[in-house]
C-alpha atoms as a PDB file:
ATOM      1  CA  MET A   1       0.144  -0.229  -0.052  1.00  0.00           C
ATOM      2  CA  PRO A   2       1.365   3.314  -0.919  1.00  0.00           C
ATOM      3  CA  LEU A   3       2.543   5.672   2.383  1.00  0.00           C
ATOM      4  CA  SER A   4      -0.025   8.445   0.556  1.00  0.00           C
ATOM      5  CA  VAL A   5      -2.793   5.802   1.430  1.00  0.00           C
ATOM      6  CA  ASN A   6      -1.584   4.631   5.007  1.00  0.00           C
ATOM      7  CA  ASN A   7      -1.134   8.366   5.742  1.00  0.00           C
ATOM      8  CA  SER A   8      -4.259   9.274   5.064  1.00  0.00           C
ATOM      9  CA  ILE A   9      -5.334   5.944   6.577  1.00  0.00           C
ATOM     10  CA  SER A  10      -4.157   7.290   9.555  1.00  0.00           C
ATOM     11  CA  ALA A  11      -5.043  10.927   9.561  1.00  0.00           C
ATOM     12  CA  LEU A  12      -8.921   9.458   9.291  1.00  0.00           C
ATOM     13  CA  ASN A  13      -8.331   7.131  12.521  1.00  0.00           C
ATOM     14  CA  ALA A  14      -6.738  10.231  14.332  1.00  0.00           C
ATOM     15  CA  LEU A  15      -9.682  12.680  13.110  1.00  0.00           C
ATOM     16  CA  ALA A  16     -12.137   9.905  13.978  1.00  0.00           C
ATOM     17  CA  THR A  17     -10.631   9.874  17.297  1.00  0.00           C
ATOM     18  CA  ARG A  18     -10.526  13.948  17.608  1.00  0.00           C
ATOM     19  CA  GLN A  19     -14.065  14.373  16.866  1.00  0.00           C
ATOM     20  CA  GLY A  20     -15.257  11.639  19.409  1.00  0.00           C
ATOM     21  CA  VAL A  21     -13.508  13.244  22.235  1.00  0.00           C
ATOM     22  CA  ALA A  22     -15.355  16.247  21.332  1.00  0.00           C
ATOM     23  CA  ALA A  23     -18.823  14.204  21.108  1.00  0.00           C
ATOM     24  CA  ASN A  24     -18.164  13.095  24.638  1.00  0.00           C
ATOM     25  CA  ASN A  25     -17.574  16.505  25.789  1.00  0.00           C
ATOM     26  CA  VAL A  26     -20.795  17.900  24.125  1.00  0.00           C
ATOM     27  CA  ALA A  27     -22.585  14.873  25.627  1.00  0.00           C
ATOM     28  CA  ASN A  28     -21.142  15.545  29.147  1.00  0.00           C
ATOM     29  CA  VAL A  29     -21.644  19.031  29.284  1.00  0.00           C
ATOM     30  CA  GLU A  30     -24.722  19.243  31.446  1.00  0.00           C
ATOM     31  CA  SER A  31     -22.644  16.724  34.003  1.00  0.00           C
ATOM     32  CA  LYS A  32     -21.109  18.016  37.013  1.00  0.00           C
ATOM     33  CA  GLU A  33     -17.762  17.723  37.664  1.00  0.00           C
ATOM     34  CA  PHE A  34     -17.196  16.213  34.181  1.00  0.00           C
ATOM     35  CA  LYS A  35     -13.731  17.330  32.723  1.00  0.00           C
ATOM     36  CA  LYS A  36     -13.591  17.626  28.994  1.00  0.00           C
ATOM     37  CA  SER A  37     -10.607  16.265  27.307  1.00  0.00           C
ATOM     38  CA  THR A  38      -8.544  17.205  23.904  1.00  0.00           C
ATOM     39  CA  ALA A  39      -7.261  15.156  21.543  1.00  0.00           C
ATOM     40  CA  ILE A  40      -3.839  16.031  20.344  1.00  0.00           C
ATOM     41  CA  LEU A  41      -2.533  15.054  16.524  1.00  0.00           C
ATOM     42  CA  LYS A  42       0.766  14.380  15.791  1.00  0.00           C
ATOM     43  CA  GLU A  43       2.701  13.940  12.632  1.00  0.00           C
ATOM     44  CA  GLY A  44       5.583  11.029  12.520  1.00  0.00           C
ATOM     45  CA  PRO A  45       8.540  11.002  10.398  1.00  0.00           C
ATOM     46  CA  THR A  46       6.794   9.073   7.683  1.00  0.00           C
ATOM     47  CA  GLY A  47       3.471  11.521   7.774  1.00  0.00           C
ATOM     48  CA  ALA A  48       1.441   9.611   9.651  1.00  0.00           C
ATOM     49  CA  VAL A  49      -0.640  10.661  12.062  1.00  0.00           C
ATOM     50  CA  SER A  50      -1.539   9.790  15.512  1.00  0.00           C
ATOM     51  CA  ALA A  51      -3.866  11.090  18.089  1.00  0.00           C
ATOM     52  CA  THR A  52      -3.559  11.149  22.027  1.00  0.00           C
ATOM     53  CA  VAL A  53      -6.508  11.600  24.317  1.00  0.00           C
ATOM     54  CA  GLN A  54      -5.364  14.013  27.103  1.00  0.00           C
ATOM     55  CA  PRO A  55      -7.571  15.260  30.258  1.00  0.00           C
ATOM     56  CA  VAL A  56      -7.994  18.919  30.481  1.00  0.00           C
ATOM     57  CA  ASN A  57      -8.203  19.660  33.909  1.00  0.00           C
ATOM     58  CA  THR A  58      -9.298  23.607  34.256  1.00  0.00           C
ATOM     59  CA  PRO A  59     -11.691  24.225  36.809  1.00  0.00           C
ATOM     60  CA  GLY A  60     -15.165  24.534  35.632  1.00  0.00           C
ATOM     61  CA  THR A  61     -17.870  27.270  36.534  1.00  0.00           C
ATOM     62  CA  MET A  62     -18.807  26.973  40.435  1.00  0.00           C
ATOM     63  CA  ILE A  63     -22.466  27.738  41.347  1.00  0.00           C
ATOM     64  CA  ASN A  64     -23.687  28.972  44.579  1.00  0.00           C
ATOM     65  CA  HIS A  65     -26.891  26.912  45.766  1.00  0.00           C
ATOM     66  CA  PRO A  66     -29.494  28.974  48.096  1.00  0.00           C
ATOM     67  CA  ASN A  67     -28.149  26.886  51.188  1.00  0.00           C
ATOM     68  CA  GLY A  68     -24.579  28.430  50.741  1.00  0.00           C
ATOM     69  CA  SER A  69     -23.018  25.097  49.296  1.00  0.00           C
ATOM     70  CA  LEU A  70     -20.892  25.441  45.766  1.00  0.00           C
ATOM     71  CA  GLU A  71     -20.866  23.056  43.031  1.00  0.00           C
ATOM     72  CA  GLU A  72     -18.365  23.079  40.193  1.00  0.00           C
ATOM     73  CA  LEU A  73     -19.903  22.317  37.184  1.00  0.00           C
ATOM     74  CA  SER A  74     -18.232  20.778  33.813  1.00  0.00           C
ATOM     75  CA  ASN A  75     -15.055  22.551  31.952  1.00  0.00           C
ATOM     76  CA  VAL A  76     -16.815  22.219  28.610  1.00  0.00           C
ATOM     77  CA  ASP A  77     -17.710  25.748  26.128  1.00  0.00           C
ATOM     78  CA  LEU A  78     -20.077  24.184  24.173  1.00  0.00           C
ATOM     79  CA  GLY A  79     -19.604  26.600  21.623  1.00  0.00           C
ATOM     80  CA  GLN A  80     -15.821  25.933  21.614  1.00  0.00           C
ATOM     81  CA  GLU A  81     -16.647  22.235  20.936  1.00  0.00           C
ATOM     82  CA  LEU A  82     -19.017  22.424  18.266  1.00  0.00           C
ATOM     83  CA  VAL A  83     -16.391  25.269  16.354  1.00  0.00           C
ATOM     84  CA  GLY A  84     -13.633  22.734  16.491  1.00  0.00           C
ATOM     85  CA  MET A  85     -15.519  20.178  14.754  1.00  0.00           C
ATOM     86  CA  ILE A  86     -15.541  21.943  11.553  1.00  0.00           C
ATOM     87  CA  PRO A  87     -11.923  21.691  10.937  1.00  0.00           C
ATOM     88  CA  THR A  88     -12.267  18.035  12.047  1.00  0.00           C
ATOM     89  CA  GLN A  89     -14.885  17.330   9.627  1.00  0.00           C
ATOM     90  CA  ARG A  90     -13.187  19.299   6.888  1.00  0.00           C
ATOM     91  CA  GLY A  91      -9.671  16.683   7.522  1.00  0.00           C
ATOM     92  CA  TYR A  92     -11.760  14.366   7.253  1.00  0.00           C
ATOM     93  CA  GLU A  93     -13.423  14.786   4.089  1.00  0.00           C
ATOM     94  CA  ALA A  94      -9.639  15.825   2.377  1.00  0.00           C
ATOM     95  CA  ASN A  95      -8.365  12.487   3.335  1.00  0.00           C
ATOM     96  CA  LEU A  96     -11.284  10.868   1.606  1.00  0.00           C
ATOM     97  CA  LYS A  97     -10.765  12.939  -1.255  1.00  0.00           C
ATOM     98  CA  ALA A  98      -7.435  11.990  -1.161  1.00  0.00           C
ATOM     99  CA  LEU A  99      -7.791   8.171  -0.985  1.00  0.00           C
ATOM    100  CA  GLN A 100     -10.283   8.583  -4.166  1.00  0.00           C
ATOM    101  CA  ALA A 101      -8.113  10.307  -5.856  1.00  0.00           C
ATOM    102  CA  ASN A 102      -5.262   7.629  -5.219  1.00  0.00           C
ATOM    103  CA  GLY A 103      -8.084   4.957  -6.278  1.00  0.00           C
ATOM    104  CA  GLU A 104      -8.887   6.846  -9.708  1.00  0.00           C
ATOM    105  CA  MET A 105      -4.963   7.032 -10.633  1.00  0.00           C
ATOM    106  CA  GLU A 106      -4.458   3.302  -9.622  1.00  0.00           C
ATOM    107  CA  ASP A 107      -7.522   2.317 -11.970  1.00  0.00           C
ATOM    108  CA  SER A 108      -5.749   4.413 -14.436  1.00  0.00           C
ATOM    109  CA  VAL A 109      -2.736   2.521 -14.616  1.00  0.00           C
ATOM    110  CA  ILE A 110      -4.506  -0.420 -14.447  1.00  0.00           C
ATOM    111  CA  ASP A 111      -6.278   0.821 -17.787  1.00  0.00           C
ATOM    112  CA  LEU A 112      -2.945   1.653 -19.346  1.00  0.00           C
ATOM    113  CA  ILE A 113      -1.739  -1.433 -18.663  1.00  0.00           C
ATOM    114  CA  GLY A 114      -4.359  -3.773 -19.527  1.00  0.00           C
END
């Protein structure tokens, strides 16, 4: 399999991890004391992309209850999560297009040979 195909596949896997982390954050936006995570994408020496999931331990919003107790809410910013999903989706689309173009080139070569 060509290196470019491997790189696109690794990018798709990494972007899927990133999107999954964002989806988990969005799903838990109302969960008390939930701490969001982030997916850090890193390119390796051959161009392959990997994702590492890390917790984000910033404090959530504190609210005062009428009885005087404090409660920490999640540290998820819904707007930030939703906006962050857009470039992830675009990266996924771009890598799918690259795989499609590679397949079309292989088909053309086979047609020329065959």
